[in-house]
PDB file of N, CA and C in Angstrom:
ATOM      1  N   MET A   1      20.592  11.222  12.604  1.00  0.00           N
ATOM      2  CA  MET A   1      20.378  12.575  12.139  1.00  0.00           C
ATOM      3  C   MET A   1      19.134  12.586  11.249  1.00  0.00           C
ATOM      4  N   LEU A   2      18.350  13.639  11.359  1.00  0.00           N
ATOM      5  CA  LEU A   2      17.153  13.789  10.529  1.00  0.00           C
ATOM      6  C   LEU A   2      17.522  14.038   9.078  1.00  0.00           C
ATOM      7  N   THR A   3      16.698  13.513   8.207  1.00  0.00           N
ATOM      8  CA  THR A   3      16.897  13.775   6.784  1.00  0.00           C
ATOM      9  C   THR A   3      16.071  14.992   6.373  1.00  0.00           C
ATOM     10  N   LYS A   4      16.384  15.520   5.222  1.00  0.00           N
ATOM     11  CA  LYS A   4      15.619  16.642   4.667  1.00  0.00           C
ATOM     12  C   LYS A   4      14.147  16.256   4.555  1.00  0.00           C
ATOM     13  N   GLU A   5      13.873  15.061   4.068  1.00  0.00           N
ATOM     14  CA  GLU A   5      12.506  14.592   3.876  1.00  0.00           C
ATOM     15  C   GLU A   5      11.751  14.538   5.200  1.00  0.00           C
ATOM     16  N   GLN A   6      12.413  14.054   6.243  1.00  0.00           N
ATOM     17  CA  GLN A   6      11.783  13.978   7.557  1.00  0.00           C
ATOM     18  C   GLN A   6      11.455  15.371   8.085  1.00  0.00           C
ATOM     19  N   ILE A   7      12.383  16.286   7.932  1.00  0.00           N
ATOM     20  CA  ILE A   7      12.177  17.656   8.416  1.00  0.00           C
ATOM     21  C   ILE A   7      11.032  18.318   7.672  1.00  0.00           C
ATOM     22  N   LEU A   8      11.026  18.183   6.355  1.00  0.00           N
ATOM     23  CA  LEU A   8       9.995  18.839   5.557  1.00  0.00           C
ATOM     24  C   LEU A   8       8.623  18.195   5.727  1.00  0.00           C
ATOM     25  N   ALA A   9       8.567  16.925   6.122  1.00  0.00           N
ATOM     26  CA  ALA A   9       7.297  16.217   6.261  1.00  0.00           C
ATOM     27  C   ALA A   9       6.601  16.478   7.595  1.00  0.00           C
ATOM     28  N   VAL A  10       7.359  16.839   8.608  1.00  0.00           N
ATOM     29  CA  VAL A  10       6.768  16.986   9.935  1.00  0.00           C
ATOM     30  C   VAL A  10       5.967  18.283  10.039  1.00  0.00           C
ATOM     31  N   ARG A  11       4.813  18.200  10.700  1.00  0.00           N
ATOM     32  CA  ARG A  11       4.019  19.399  10.976  1.00  0.00           C
ATOM     33  C   ARG A  11       4.531  19.959  12.302  1.00  0.00           C
ATOM     34  N   ASP A  12       5.343  21.003  12.217  1.00  0.00           N
ATOM     35  CA  ASP A  12       6.021  21.523  13.402  1.00  0.00           C
ATOM     36  C   ASP A  12       5.421  22.819  13.929  1.00  0.00           C
ATOM     37  N   LEU A  13       4.263  23.196  13.414  1.00  0.00           N
ATOM     38  CA  LEU A  13       3.619  24.422  13.874  1.00  0.00           C
ATOM     39  C   LEU A  13       2.590  24.074  14.945  1.00  0.00           C
ATOM     40  N   GLY A  14       2.761  24.686  16.114  1.00  0.00           N
ATOM     41  CA  GLY A  14       1.819  24.458  17.192  1.00  0.00           C
ATOM     42  C   GLY A  14       0.462  25.061  16.867  1.00  0.00           C
ATOM     43  N   PHE A  15      -0.557  24.589  17.564  1.00  0.00           N
ATOM     44  CA  PHE A  15      -1.896  25.119  17.339  1.00  0.00           C
ATOM     45  C   PHE A  15      -2.727  24.959  18.600  1.00  0.00           C
ATOM     46  N   GLU A  16      -3.855  25.624  18.616  1.00  0.00           N
ATOM     47  CA  GLU A  16      -4.776  25.546  19.737  1.00  0.00           C
ATOM     48  C   GLU A  16      -6.195  25.532  19.187  1.00  0.00           C
ATOM     49  N   VAL A  17      -6.986  24.564  19.622  1.00  0.00           N
ATOM     50  CA  VAL A  17      -8.395  24.509  19.245  1.00  0.00           C
ATOM     51  C   VAL A  17      -9.155  25.369  20.250  1.00  0.00           C
ATOM     52  N   VAL A  18      -9.934  26.312  19.726  1.00  0.00           N
ATOM     53  CA  VAL A  18     -10.614  27.292  20.570  1.00  0.00           C
ATOM     54  C   VAL A  18     -12.122  27.189  20.354  1.00  0.00           C
ATOM     55  N   VAL A  19     -12.866  27.061  21.445  1.00  0.00           N
ATOM     56  CA  VAL A  19     -14.323  27.069  21.373  1.00  0.00           C
ATOM     57  C   VAL A  19     -14.776  28.511  21.193  1.00  0.00           C
ATOM     58  N   VAL A  20     -15.621  28.727  20.189  1.00  0.00           N
ATOM     59  CA  VAL A  20     -16.175  30.059  19.924  1.00  0.00           C
ATOM     60  C   VAL A  20     -17.697  29.929  19.992  1.00  0.00           C
ATOM     61  N   PRO A  21     -18.267  30.093  21.200  1.00  0.00           N
ATOM     62  CA  PRO A  21     -19.708  29.907  21.354  1.00  0.00           C
ATOM     63  C   PRO A  21     -20.533  30.832  20.448  1.00  0.00           C
ATOM     64  N   GLU A  22     -20.022  32.027  20.232  1.00  0.00           N
ATOM     65  CA  GLU A  22     -20.737  32.988  19.389  1.00  0.00           C
ATOM     66  C   GLU A  22     -20.880  32.493  17.949  1.00  0.00           C
ATOM     67  N   TRP A  23     -19.982  31.620  17.525  1.00  0.00           N
ATOM     68  CA  TRP A  23     -20.011  31.082  16.165  1.00  0.00           C
ATOM     69  C   TRP A  23     -20.552  29.651  16.141  1.00  0.00           C
ATOM     70  N   GLY A  24     -20.862  29.115  17.322  1.00  0.00           N
ATOM     71  CA  GLY A  24     -21.464  27.789  17.396  1.00  0.00           C
ATOM     72  C   GLY A  24     -20.512  26.635  17.147  1.00  0.00           C
ATOM     73  N   GLY A  25     -19.248  26.795  17.479  1.00  0.00           N
ATOM     74  CA  GLY A  25     -18.302  25.700  17.258  1.00  0.00           C
ATOM     75  C   GLY A  25     -16.895  26.041  17.683  1.00  0.00           C
ATOM     76  N   GLU A  26     -15.948  25.373  17.055  1.00  0.00           N
ATOM     77  CA  GLU A  26     -14.532  25.535  17.371  1.00  0.00           C
ATOM     78  C   GLU A  26     -13.765  25.981  16.134  1.00  0.00           C
ATOM     79  N   VAL A  27     -12.662  26.665  16.383  1.00  0.00           N
ATOM     80  CA  VAL A  27     -11.713  26.990  15.315  1.00  0.00           C
ATOM     81  C   VAL A  27     -10.325  26.580  15.795  1.00  0.00           C
ATOM     82  N   THR A  28      -9.446  26.339  14.857  1.00  0.00           N
ATOM     83  CA  THR A  28      -8.064  26.017  15.183  1.00  0.00           C
ATOM     84  C   THR A  28      -7.202  27.222  14.841  1.00  0.00           C
ATOM     85  N   VAL A  29      -6.513  27.740  15.859  1.00  0.00           N
ATOM     86  CA  VAL A  29      -5.594  28.861  15.680  1.00  0.00           C
ATOM     87  C   VAL A  29      -4.191  28.270  15.713  1.00  0.00           C
ATOM     88  N   SER A  30      -3.395  28.602  14.703  1.00  0.00           N
ATOM     89  CA  SER A  30      -2.086  27.974  14.524  1.00  0.00           C
ATOM     90  C   SER A  30      -0.946  28.985  14.531  1.00  0.00           C
ATOM     91  N   GLU A  31       0.237  28.470  14.823  1.00  0.00           N
ATOM     92  CA  GLU A  31       1.445  29.245  14.572  1.00  0.00           C
ATOM     93  C   GLU A  31       1.584  29.402  13.063  1.00  0.00           C
ATOM     94  N   MET A  32       2.186  30.489  12.644  1.00  0.00           N
ATOM     95  CA  MET A  32       2.433  30.716  11.222  1.00  0.00           C
ATOM     96  C   MET A  32       3.808  30.177  10.853  1.00  0.00           C
ATOM     97  N   GLY A  33       3.920  29.694   9.629  1.00  0.00           N
ATOM     98  CA  GLY A  33       5.225  29.366   9.079  1.00  0.00           C
ATOM     99  C   GLY A  33       5.918  30.664   8.687  1.00  0.00           C
ATOM    100  N   GLY A  34       7.171  30.585   8.361  1.00  0.00           N
ATOM    101  CA  GLY A  34       7.950  31.776   8.011  1.00  0.00           C
ATOM    102  C   GLY A  34       7.366  32.561   6.853  1.00  0.00           C
ATOM    103  N   LYS A  35       6.924  31.868   5.820  1.00  0.00           N
ATOM    104  CA  LYS A  35       6.375  32.525   4.636  1.00  0.00           C
ATOM    105  C   LYS A  35       5.082  33.281   4.974  1.00  0.00           C
ATOM    106  N   ALA A  36       4.191  32.646   5.742  1.00  0.00           N
ATOM    107  CA  ALA A  36       2.933  33.288   6.133  1.00  0.00           C
ATOM    108  C   ALA A  36       3.199  34.486   7.040  1.00  0.00           C
ATOM    109  N   ARG A  37       4.159  34.331   7.940  1.00  0.00           N
ATOM    110  CA  ARG A  37       4.493  35.434   8.845  1.00  0.00           C
ATOM    111  C   ARG A  37       5.047  36.626   8.058  1.00  0.00           C
ATOM    112  N   ASP A  38       5.918  36.360   7.082  1.00  0.00           N
ATOM    113  CA  ASP A  38       6.449  37.437   6.237  1.00  0.00           C
ATOM    114  C   ASP A  38       5.326  38.159   5.497  1.00  0.00           C
ATOM    115  N   ALA A  39       4.380  37.389   4.949  1.00  0.00           N
ATOM    116  CA  ALA A  39       3.256  37.984   4.212  1.00  0.00           C
ATOM    117  C   ALA A  39       2.406  38.844   5.136  1.00  0.00           C
ATOM    118  N   LEU A  40       2.174  38.375   6.360  1.00  0.00           N
ATOM    119  CA  LEU A  40       1.388  39.161   7.312  1.00  0.00           C
ATOM    120  C   LEU A  40       2.128  40.439   7.680  1.00  0.00           C
ATOM    121  N   MET A  41       3.416  40.343   7.969  1.00  0.00           N
ATOM    122  CA  MET A  41       4.183  41.532   8.338  1.00  0.00           C
ATOM    123  C   MET A  41       4.187  42.550   7.198  1.00  0.00           C
ATOM    124  N   GLU A  42       4.241  42.067   5.969  1.00  0.00           N
ATOM    125  CA  GLU A  42       4.186  42.967   4.818  1.00  0.00           C
ATOM    126  C   GLU A  42       2.822  43.656   4.743  1.00  0.00           C
ATOM    127  N   ALA A  43       1.752  42.894   4.983  1.00  0.00           N
ATOM    128  CA  ALA A  43       0.399  43.461   4.947  1.00  0.00           C
ATOM    129  C   ALA A  43       0.194  44.478   6.064  1.00  0.00           C
ATOM    130  N   LEU A  44       0.925  44.307   7.159  1.00  0.00           N
ATOM    131  CA  LEU A  44       0.776  45.197   8.312  1.00  0.00           C
ATOM    132  C   LEU A  44       1.832  46.297   8.347  1.00  0.00           C
ATOM    133  N   ALA A  45       2.588  46.451   7.274  1.00  0.00           N
ATOM    134  CA  ALA A  45       3.639  47.474   7.227  1.00  0.00           C
ATOM    135  C   ALA A  45       3.051  48.870   7.413  1.00  0.00           C
ATOM    136  N   GLU A  46       1.867  49.081   6.900  1.00  0.00           N
ATOM    137  CA  GLU A  46       1.155  50.351   7.083  1.00  0.00           C
ATOM    138  C   GLU A  46       0.128  50.164   8.195  1.00  0.00           C
ATOM    139  N   PRO A  47      -0.107  51.212   9.003  1.00  0.00           N
ATOM    140  CA  PRO A  47      -1.123  51.111  10.057  1.00  0.00           C
ATOM    141  C   PRO A  47      -2.485  50.712   9.472  1.00  0.00           C
ATOM    142  N   GLN A  48      -3.198  49.851  10.196  1.00  0.00           N
ATOM    143  CA  GLN A  48      -4.505  49.355   9.768  1.00  0.00           C
ATOM    144  C   GLN A  48      -5.543  49.662  10.840  1.00  0.00           C
ATOM    145  N   PRO A  49      -6.798  49.860  10.454  1.00  0.00           N
ATOM    146  CA  PRO A  49      -7.863  49.943  11.458  1.00  0.00           C
ATOM    147  C   PRO A  49      -7.888  48.628  12.253  1.00  0.00           C
ATOM    148  N   THR A  50      -8.319  48.694  13.500  1.00  0.00           N
ATOM    149  CA  THR A  50      -8.274  47.529  14.384  1.00  0.00           C
ATOM    150  C   THR A  50      -8.944  46.302  13.784  1.00  0.00           C
ATOM    151  N   ALA A  51     -10.164  46.439  13.289  1.00  0.00           N
ATOM    152  CA  ALA A  51     -10.887  45.279  12.758  1.00  0.00           C
ATOM    153  C   ALA A  51     -10.157  44.669  11.565  1.00  0.00           C
ATOM    154  N   ARG A  52      -9.564  45.491  10.720  1.00  0.00           N
ATOM    155  CA  ARG A  52      -8.823  44.967   9.564  1.00  0.00           C
ATOM    156  C   ARG A  52      -7.545  44.270  10.035  1.00  0.00           C
ATOM    157  N   PHE A  53      -6.847  44.868  11.005  1.00  0.00           N
ATOM    158  CA  PHE A  53      -5.659  44.236  11.585  1.00  0.00           C
ATOM    159  C   PHE A  53      -6.017  42.847  12.104  1.00  0.00           C
ATOM    160  N   GLN A  54      -7.111  42.772  12.880  1.00  0.00           N
ATOM    161  CA  GLN A  54      -7.521  41.495  13.452  1.00  0.00           C
ATOM    162  C   GLN A  54      -7.856  40.480  12.363  1.00  0.00           C
ATOM    163  N   ALA A  55      -8.568  40.922  11.330  1.00  0.00           N
ATOM    164  CA  ALA A  55      -8.930  40.022  10.232  1.00  0.00           C
ATOM    165  C   ALA A  55      -7.687  39.522   9.498  1.00  0.00           C
ATOM    166  N   LEU A  56      -6.710  40.387   9.313  1.00  0.00           N
ATOM    167  CA  LEU A  56      -5.463  39.973   8.660  1.00  0.00           C
ATOM    168  C   LEU A  56      -4.729  38.918   9.491  1.00  0.00           C
ATOM    169  N   VAL A  57      -4.660  39.136  10.803  1.00  0.00           N
ATOM    170  CA  VAL A  57      -4.001  38.166  11.681  1.00  0.00           C
ATOM    171  C   VAL A  57      -4.737  36.827  11.628  1.00  0.00           C
ATOM    172  N   LEU A  58      -6.062  36.870  11.738  1.00  0.00           N
ATOM    173  CA  LEU A  58      -6.828  35.624  11.753  1.00  0.00           C
ATOM    174  C   LEU A  58      -6.803  34.907  10.413  1.00  0.00           C
ATOM    175  N   SER A  59      -6.749  35.658   9.328  1.00  0.00           N
ATOM    176  CA  SER A  59      -6.686  34.997   8.018  1.00  0.00           C
ATOM    177  C   SER A  59      -5.371  34.239   7.849  1.00  0.00           C
ATOM    178  N   SER A  60      -4.373  34.609   8.632  1.00  0.00           N
ATOM    179  CA  SER A  60      -3.073  33.932   8.574  1.00  0.00           C
ATOM    180  C   SER A  60      -2.934  32.815   9.598  1.00  0.00           C
ATOM    181  N   THR A  61      -3.851  32.761  10.573  1.00  0.00           N
ATOM    182  CA  THR A  61      -3.655  31.831  11.688  1.00  0.00           C
ATOM    183  C   THR A  61      -4.801  30.856  11.940  1.00  0.00           C
ATOM    184  N   VAL A  62      -5.986  31.102  11.407  1.00  0.00           N
ATOM    185  CA  VAL A  62      -7.095  30.160  11.588  1.00  0.00           C
ATOM    186  C   VAL A  62      -7.018  29.146  10.447  1.00  0.00           C
ATOM    187  N   VAL A  63      -6.870  27.869  10.822  1.00  0.00           N
ATOM    188  CA  VAL A  63      -6.573  26.828   9.833  1.00  0.00           C
ATOM    189  C   VAL A  63      -7.564  25.669   9.907  1.00  0.00           C
ATOM    190  N   ASP A  64      -7.561  24.858   8.840  1.00  0.00           N
ATOM    191  CA  ASP A  64      -8.370  23.644   8.821  1.00  0.00           C
ATOM    192  C   ASP A  64      -7.585  22.506   9.478  1.00  0.00           C
ATOM    193  N   ASP A  65      -8.160  21.311   9.455  1.00  0.00           N
ATOM    194  CA  ASP A  65      -7.510  20.162  10.101  1.00  0.00           C
ATOM    195  C   ASP A  65      -6.162  19.805   9.483  1.00  0.00           C
ATOM    196  N   GLY A  66      -5.951  20.193   8.237  1.00  0.00           N
ATOM    197  CA  GLY A  66      -4.677  19.922   7.574  1.00  0.00           C
ATOM    198  C   GLY A  66      -3.640  21.009   7.776  1.00  0.00           C
ATOM    199  N   GLY A  67      -4.023  22.086   8.481  1.00  0.00           N
ATOM    200  CA  GLY A  67      -3.089  23.180   8.742  1.00  0.00           C
ATOM    201  C   GLY A  67      -3.105  24.283   7.705  1.00  0.00           C
ATOM    202  N   SER A  68      -4.039  24.220   6.751  1.00  0.00           N
ATOM    203  CA  SER A  68      -4.134  25.266   5.719  1.00  0.00           C
ATOM    204  C   SER A  68      -5.092  26.363   6.169  1.00  0.00           C
ATOM    205  N   PRO A  69      -4.757  27.627   5.908  1.00  0.00           N
ATOM    206  CA  PRO A  69      -5.651  28.727   6.291  1.00  0.00           C
ATOM    207  C   PRO A  69      -7.039  28.540   5.672  1.00  0.00           C
ATOM    208  N   ILE A  70      -8.083  28.826   6.459  1.00  0.00           N
ATOM    209  CA  ILE A  70      -9.443  28.688   5.934  1.00  0.00           C
ATOM    210  C   ILE A  70      -9.934  29.982   5.292  1.00  0.00           C
ATOM    211  N   PHE A  71      -9.278  31.094   5.596  1.00  0.00           N
ATOM    212  CA  PHE A  71      -9.659  32.384   5.019  1.00  0.00           C
ATOM    213  C   PHE A  71      -8.634  32.806   3.975  1.00  0.00           C
ATOM    214  N   THR A  72      -9.106  33.580   3.002  1.00  0.00           N
ATOM    215  CA  THR A  72      -8.226  34.133   1.974  1.00  0.00           C
ATOM    216  C   THR A  72      -8.296  35.653   2.036  1.00  0.00           C
ATOM    217  N   ALA A  73      -7.518  36.304   1.210  1.00  0.00           N
ATOM    218  CA  ALA A  73      -7.539  37.767   1.137  1.00  0.00           C
ATOM    219  C   ALA A  73      -8.937  38.271   0.790  1.00  0.00           C
ATOM    220  N   ASP A  74      -9.695  37.479   0.045  1.00  0.00           N
ATOM    221  CA  ASP A  74     -11.057  37.873  -0.324  1.00  0.00           C
ATOM    222  C   ASP A  74     -12.007  37.909   0.869  1.00  0.00           C
ATOM    223  N   ASP A  75     -11.640  37.267   1.979  1.00  0.00           N
ATOM    224  CA  ASP A  75     -12.500  37.191   3.159  1.00  0.00           C
ATOM    225  C   ASP A  75     -12.230  38.288   4.186  1.00  0.00           C
ATOM    226  N   ILE A  76     -11.167  39.058   4.003  1.00  0.00           N
ATOM    227  CA  ILE A  76     -10.729  40.035   5.012  1.00  0.00           C
ATOM    228  C   ILE A  76     -11.845  41.009   5.379  1.00  0.00           C
ATOM    229  N   GLU A  77     -12.482  41.586   4.391  1.00  0.00           N
ATOM    230  CA  GLU A  77     -13.515  42.594   4.655  1.00  0.00           C
ATOM    231  C   GLU A  77     -14.673  42.005   5.453  1.00  0.00           C
ATOM    232  N   GLN A  78     -15.148  40.839   5.051  1.00  0.00           N
ATOM    233  CA  GLN A  78     -16.264  40.204   5.747  1.00  0.00           C
ATOM    234  C   GLN A  78     -15.852  39.752   7.148  1.00  0.00           C
ATOM    235  N   LEU A  79     -14.663  39.203   7.286  1.00  0.00           N
ATOM    236  CA  LEU A  79     -14.167  38.760   8.585  1.00  0.00           C
ATOM    237  C   LEU A  79     -14.024  39.939   9.541  1.00  0.00           C
ATOM    238  N   SER A  80     -13.611  41.084   9.035  1.00  0.00           N
ATOM    239  CA  SER A  80     -13.443  42.264   9.898  1.00  0.00           C
ATOM    240  C   SER A  80     -14.777  42.774  10.436  1.00  0.00           C
ATOM    241  N   GLY A  81     -15.884  42.326   9.867  1.00  0.00           N
ATOM    242  CA  GLY A  81     -17.204  42.727  10.340  1.00  0.00           C
ATOM    243  C   GLY A  81     -17.785  41.815  11.408  1.00  0.00           C
ATOM    244  N   LYS A  82     -17.048  40.787  11.811  1.00  0.00           N
ATOM    245  CA  LYS A  82     -17.532  39.856  12.828  1.00  0.00           C
ATOM    246  C   LYS A  82     -17.455  40.501  14.218  1.00  0.00           C
ATOM    247  N   ASN A  83     -18.033  39.812  15.196  1.00  0.00           N
ATOM    248  CA  ASN A  83     -18.095  40.275  16.577  1.00  0.00           C
ATOM    249  C   ASN A  83     -16.695  40.681  17.062  1.00  0.00           C
ATOM    250  N   PRO A  84     -16.522  41.958  17.460  1.00  0.00           N
ATOM    251  CA  PRO A  84     -15.186  42.417  17.858  1.00  0.00           C
ATOM    252  C   PRO A  84     -14.633  41.704  19.093  1.00  0.00           C
ATOM    253  N   GLU A  85     -15.507  41.248  19.988  1.00  0.00           N
ATOM    254  CA  GLU A  85     -15.017  40.517  21.159  1.00  0.00           C
ATOM    255  C   GLU A  85     -14.417  39.174  20.746  1.00  0.00           C
ATOM    256  N   VAL A  86     -15.048  38.514  19.783  1.00  0.00           N
ATOM    257  CA  VAL A  86     -14.525  37.238  19.287  1.00  0.00           C
ATOM    258  C   VAL A  86     -13.201  37.472  18.573  1.00  0.00           C
ATOM    259  N   LEU A  87     -13.166  38.482  17.708  1.00  0.00           N
ATOM    260  CA  LEU A  87     -11.927  38.784  16.985  1.00  0.00           C
ATOM    261  C   LEU A  87     -10.790  39.064  17.960  1.00  0.00           C
ATOM    262  N   THR A  88     -11.067  39.880  18.971  1.00  0.00           N
ATOM    263  CA  THR A  88     -10.041  40.243  19.954  1.00  0.00           C
ATOM    264  C   THR A  88      -9.544  39.008  20.698  1.00  0.00           C
ATOM    265  N   ARG A  89     -10.466  38.147  21.102  1.00  0.00           N
ATOM    266  CA  ARG A  89     -10.096  36.935  21.836  1.00  0.00           C
ATOM    267  C   ARG A  89      -9.228  36.014  20.974  1.00  0.00           C
ATOM    268  N   LEU A  90      -9.620  35.804  19.726  1.00  0.00           N
ATOM    269  CA  LEU A  90      -8.856  34.918  18.845  1.00  0.00           C
ATOM    270  C   LEU A  90      -7.505  35.513  18.464  1.00  0.00           C
ATOM    271  N   VAL A  91      -7.469  36.817  18.246  1.00  0.00           N
ATOM    272  CA  VAL A  91      -6.199  37.471  17.907  1.00  0.00           C
ATOM    273  C   VAL A  91      -5.225  37.377  19.080  1.00  0.00           C
ATOM    274  N   ALA A  92      -5.725  37.505  20.302  1.00  0.00           N
ATOM    275  CA  ALA A  92      -4.850  37.379  21.476  1.00  0.00           C
ATOM    276  C   ALA A  92      -4.205  35.993  21.507  1.00  0.00           C
ATOM    277  N   ILE A  93      -4.974  34.970  21.168  1.00  0.00           N
ATOM    278  CA  ILE A  93      -4.436  33.609  21.133  1.00  0.00           C
ATOM    279  C   ILE A  93      -3.413  33.480  20.008  1.00  0.00           C
ATOM    280  N   ALA A  94      -3.754  34.008  18.837  1.00  0.00           N
ATOM    281  CA  ALA A  94      -2.831  33.951  17.691  1.00  0.00           C
ATOM    282  C   ALA A  94      -1.521  34.660  18.005  1.00  0.00           C
ATOM    283  N   MET A  95      -1.609  35.805  18.658  1.00  0.00           N
ATOM    284  CA  MET A  95      -0.396  36.568  18.978  1.00  0.00           C
ATOM    285  C   MET A  95       0.446  35.837  20.023  1.00  0.00           C
ATOM    286  N   ARG A  96      -0.221  35.205  20.984  1.00  0.00           N
ATOM    287  CA  ARG A  96       0.523  34.437  21.992  1.00  0.00           C
ATOM    288  C   ARG A  96       1.228  33.245  21.337  1.00  0.00           C
ATOM    289  N   LEU A  97       0.502  32.496  20.505  1.00  0.00           N
ATOM    290  CA  LEU A  97       1.096  31.330  19.843  1.00  0.00           C
ATOM    291  C   LEU A  97       2.271  31.718  18.950  1.00  0.00           C
ATOM    292  N   ASN A  98       2.154  32.868  18.292  1.00  0.00           N
ATOM    293  CA  ASN A  98       3.175  33.305  17.339  1.00  0.00           C
ATOM    294  C   ASN A  98       4.214  34.235  17.949  1.00  0.00           C
ATOM    295  N   LYS A  99       4.108  34.430  19.264  1.00  0.00           N
ATOM    296  CA  LYS A  99       5.064  35.269  19.992  1.00  0.00           C
ATOM    297  C   LYS A  99       5.197  36.649  19.363  1.00  0.00           C
ATOM    298  N   ILE A 100       4.026  37.246  19.109  1.00  0.00           N
ATOM    299  CA  ILE A 100       3.957  38.592  18.546  1.00  0.00           C
ATOM    300  C   ILE A 100       3.448  39.526  19.634  1.00  0.00           C
ATOM    301  N   GLY A 101       4.082  40.679  19.768  1.00  0.00           N
ATOM    302  CA  GLY A 101       3.621  41.669  20.729  1.00  0.00           C
ATOM    303  C   GLY A 101       4.632  41.890  21.832  1.00  0.00           C
ATOM    304  N   THR A 102       4.398  42.909  22.620  1.00  0.00           N
ATOM    305  CA  THR A 102       5.331  43.335  23.657  1.00  0.00           C
ATOM    306  C   THR A 102       5.598  42.248  24.680  1.00  0.00           C
ATOM    307  N   LYS A 103       4.540  41.652  25.233  1.00  0.00           N
ATOM    308  CA  LYS A 103       4.719  40.642  26.267  1.00  0.00           C
ATOM    309  C   LYS A 103       5.482  39.438  25.716  1.00  0.00           C
ATOM    310  N   ALA A 104       5.142  39.020  24.513  1.00  0.00           N
ATOM    311  CA  ALA A 104       5.829  37.882  23.893  1.00  0.00           C
ATOM    312  C   ALA A 104       7.297  38.200  23.659  1.00  0.00           C
ATOM    313  N   THR A 105       7.581  39.426  23.224  1.00  0.00           N
ATOM    314  CA  THR A 105       8.963  39.838  22.988  1.00  0.00           C
ATOM    315  C   THR A 105       9.750  39.823  24.290  1.00  0.00           C
ATOM    316  N   GLU A 106       9.151  40.353  25.358  1.00  0.00           N
ATOM    317  CA  GLU A 106       9.817  40.365  26.660  1.00  0.00           C
ATOM    318  C   GLU A 106      10.093  38.939  27.133  1.00  0.00           C
ATOM    319  N   GLU A 107       9.107  38.042  26.962  1.00  0.00           N
ATOM    320  CA  GLU A 107       9.269  36.650  27.374  1.00  0.00           C
ATOM    321  C   GLU A 107      10.372  35.969  26.564  1.00  0.00           C
ATOM    322  N   ALA A 108      10.411  36.220  25.269  1.00  0.00           N
ATOM    323  CA  ALA A 108      11.444  35.624  24.413  1.00  0.00           C
ATOM    324  C   ALA A 108      12.825  36.113  24.825  1.00  0.00           C
ATOM    325  N   GLU A 109      12.936  37.407  25.135  1.00  0.00           N
ATOM    326  CA  GLU A 109      14.219  37.957  25.567  1.00  0.00           C
ATOM    327  C   GLU A 109      14.653  37.332  26.885  1.00  0.00           C
ATOM    328  N   LYS A 110      13.694  37.168  27.805  1.00  0.00           N
ATOM    329  CA  LYS A 110      13.998  36.567  29.095  1.00  0.00           C
ATOM    330  C   LYS A 110      14.476  35.126  28.898  1.00  0.00           C
ATOM    331  N   ASN A 111      13.776  34.376  28.044  1.00  0.00           N
ATOM    332  CA  ASN A 111      14.173  32.993  27.770  1.00  0.00           C
ATOM    333  C   ASN A 111      15.531  32.943  27.091  1.00  0.00           C
ATOM    334  N   SER A 112      15.797  33.888  26.206  1.00  0.00           N
ATOM    335  CA  SER A 112      17.072  33.943  25.498  1.00  0.00           C
ATOM    336  C   SER A 112      18.206  34.206  26.479  1.00  0.00           C
ATOM    337  N   GLU A 113      17.991  35.135  27.401  1.00  0.00           N
ATOM    338  CA  GLU A 113      19.013  35.443  28.406  1.00  0.00           C
ATOM    339  C   GLU A 113      19.288  34.229  29.278  1.00  0.00           C
ATOM    340  N   ALA A 114      18.235  33.498  29.650  1.00  0.00           N
ATOM    341  CA  ALA A 114      18.404  32.304  30.474  1.00  0.00           C
ATOM    342  C   ALA A 114      19.193  31.250  29.711  1.00  0.00           C
ATOM    343  N   ALA A 115      18.898  31.099  28.440  1.00  0.00           N
ATOM    344  CA  ALA A 115      19.618  30.117  27.618  1.00  0.00           C
ATOM    345  C   ALA A 115      21.083  30.506  27.480  1.00  0.00           C
ATOM    346  N   LEU A 116      21.337  31.798  27.306  1.00  0.00           N
ATOM    347  CA  LEU A 116      22.715  32.261  27.164  1.00  0.00           C
ATOM    348  C   LEU A 116      23.505  32.057  28.450  1.00  0.00           C
ATOM    349  N   SER A 117      22.873  32.275  29.593  1.00  0.00           N
ATOM    350  CA  SER A 117      23.596  32.133  30.854  1.00  0.00           C
ATOM    351  C   SER A 117      23.935  30.670  31.135  1.00  0.00           C
ATOM    352  N   GLY A 118      23.176  29.745  30.527  1.00  0.00           N
ATOM    353  CA  GLY A 118      23.464  28.326  30.702  1.00  0.00           C
ATOM    354  C   GLY A 118      24.313  27.762  29.590  1.00  0.00           C
ATOM    355  N   SER A 119      24.840  28.615  28.743  1.00  0.00           N
ATOM    356  CA  SER A 119      25.609  28.180  27.573  1.00  0.00           C
ATOM    357  C   SER A 119      26.957  27.620  27.987  1.00  0.00           C
ATOM    358  N   SER A 120      27.420  26.645  27.205  1.00  0.00           N
ATOM    359  CA  SER A 120      28.734  26.056  27.479  1.00  0.00           C
ATOM    360  C   SER A 120      29.855  26.896  26.891  1.00  0.00           C
ATOM    361  N   GLY A 121      29.486  27.844  26.031  1.00  0.00           N
ATOM    362  CA  GLY A 121      30.500  28.672  25.408  1.00  0.00           C
ATOM    363  C   GLY A 121      31.036  28.079  24.134  1.00  0.00           C
ATOM    364  N   SER A 122      30.612  26.861  23.815  1.00  0.00           N
ATOM    365  CA  SER A 122      31.090  26.185  22.611  1.00  0.00           C
ATOM    366  C   SER A 122      30.256  26.580  21.407  1.00  0.00           C
ATOM    367  N   ASP A 123      30.892  26.737  20.265  1.00  0.00           N
ATOM    368  CA  ASP A 123      30.181  27.030  19.030  1.00  0.00           C
ATOM    369  C   ASP A 123      29.743  25.753  18.331  1.00  0.00           C
ATOM    370  N   SER A 124      30.126  24.612  18.840  1.00  0.00           N
ATOM    371  CA  SER A 124      29.832  23.336  18.210  1.00  0.00           C
ATOM    372  C   SER A 124      28.375  22.953  18.402  1.00  0.00           C
ATOM    373  N   LEU A 125      27.767  22.319  17.385  1.00  0.00           N
ATOM    374  CA  LEU A 125      26.414  21.810  17.508  1.00  0.00           C
ATOM    375  C   LEU A 125      26.387  20.515  18.297  1.00  0.00           C
ATOM    376  N   ALA A 126      27.498  19.835  18.361  1.00  0.00           N
ATOM    377  CA  ALA A 126      27.574  18.580  19.104  1.00  0.00           C
ATOM    378  C   ALA A 126      27.762  18.877  20.578  1.00  0.00           C
ATOM    379  N   SER A 127      27.177  18.027  21.424  1.00  0.00           N
ATOM    380  CA  SER A 127      27.310  18.225  22.873  1.00  0.00           C
ATOM    381  C   SER A 127      28.603  17.650  23.371  1.00  0.00           C
TER     382      SER A 127
END
């Protein structure tokens, strides 16, 4: 059985390295942890202009090699002024990785239904 230390030490958030020719390099787009996702959902509670929405998503999902966000709240305004095609492309990847949006929701529901239909009916965690 895994220990608390083992669980907390593992980097369990998926990521994707994306080439951004317009920026002359690569960025890493990551899944968000629960805390980051909650903060993003809170920031998006009110409707946002598209560029600001995209900047908020990317500030929560573009990370360094250690998995820490490279952008802060202070960068949102400047980030929202970047090439809209790049922002749109990166946000699409972030939303796919984080299972955010209509298509992701439909896919999750489909996977959930498949898992339920294969269920043993037991409430036990042991097989």
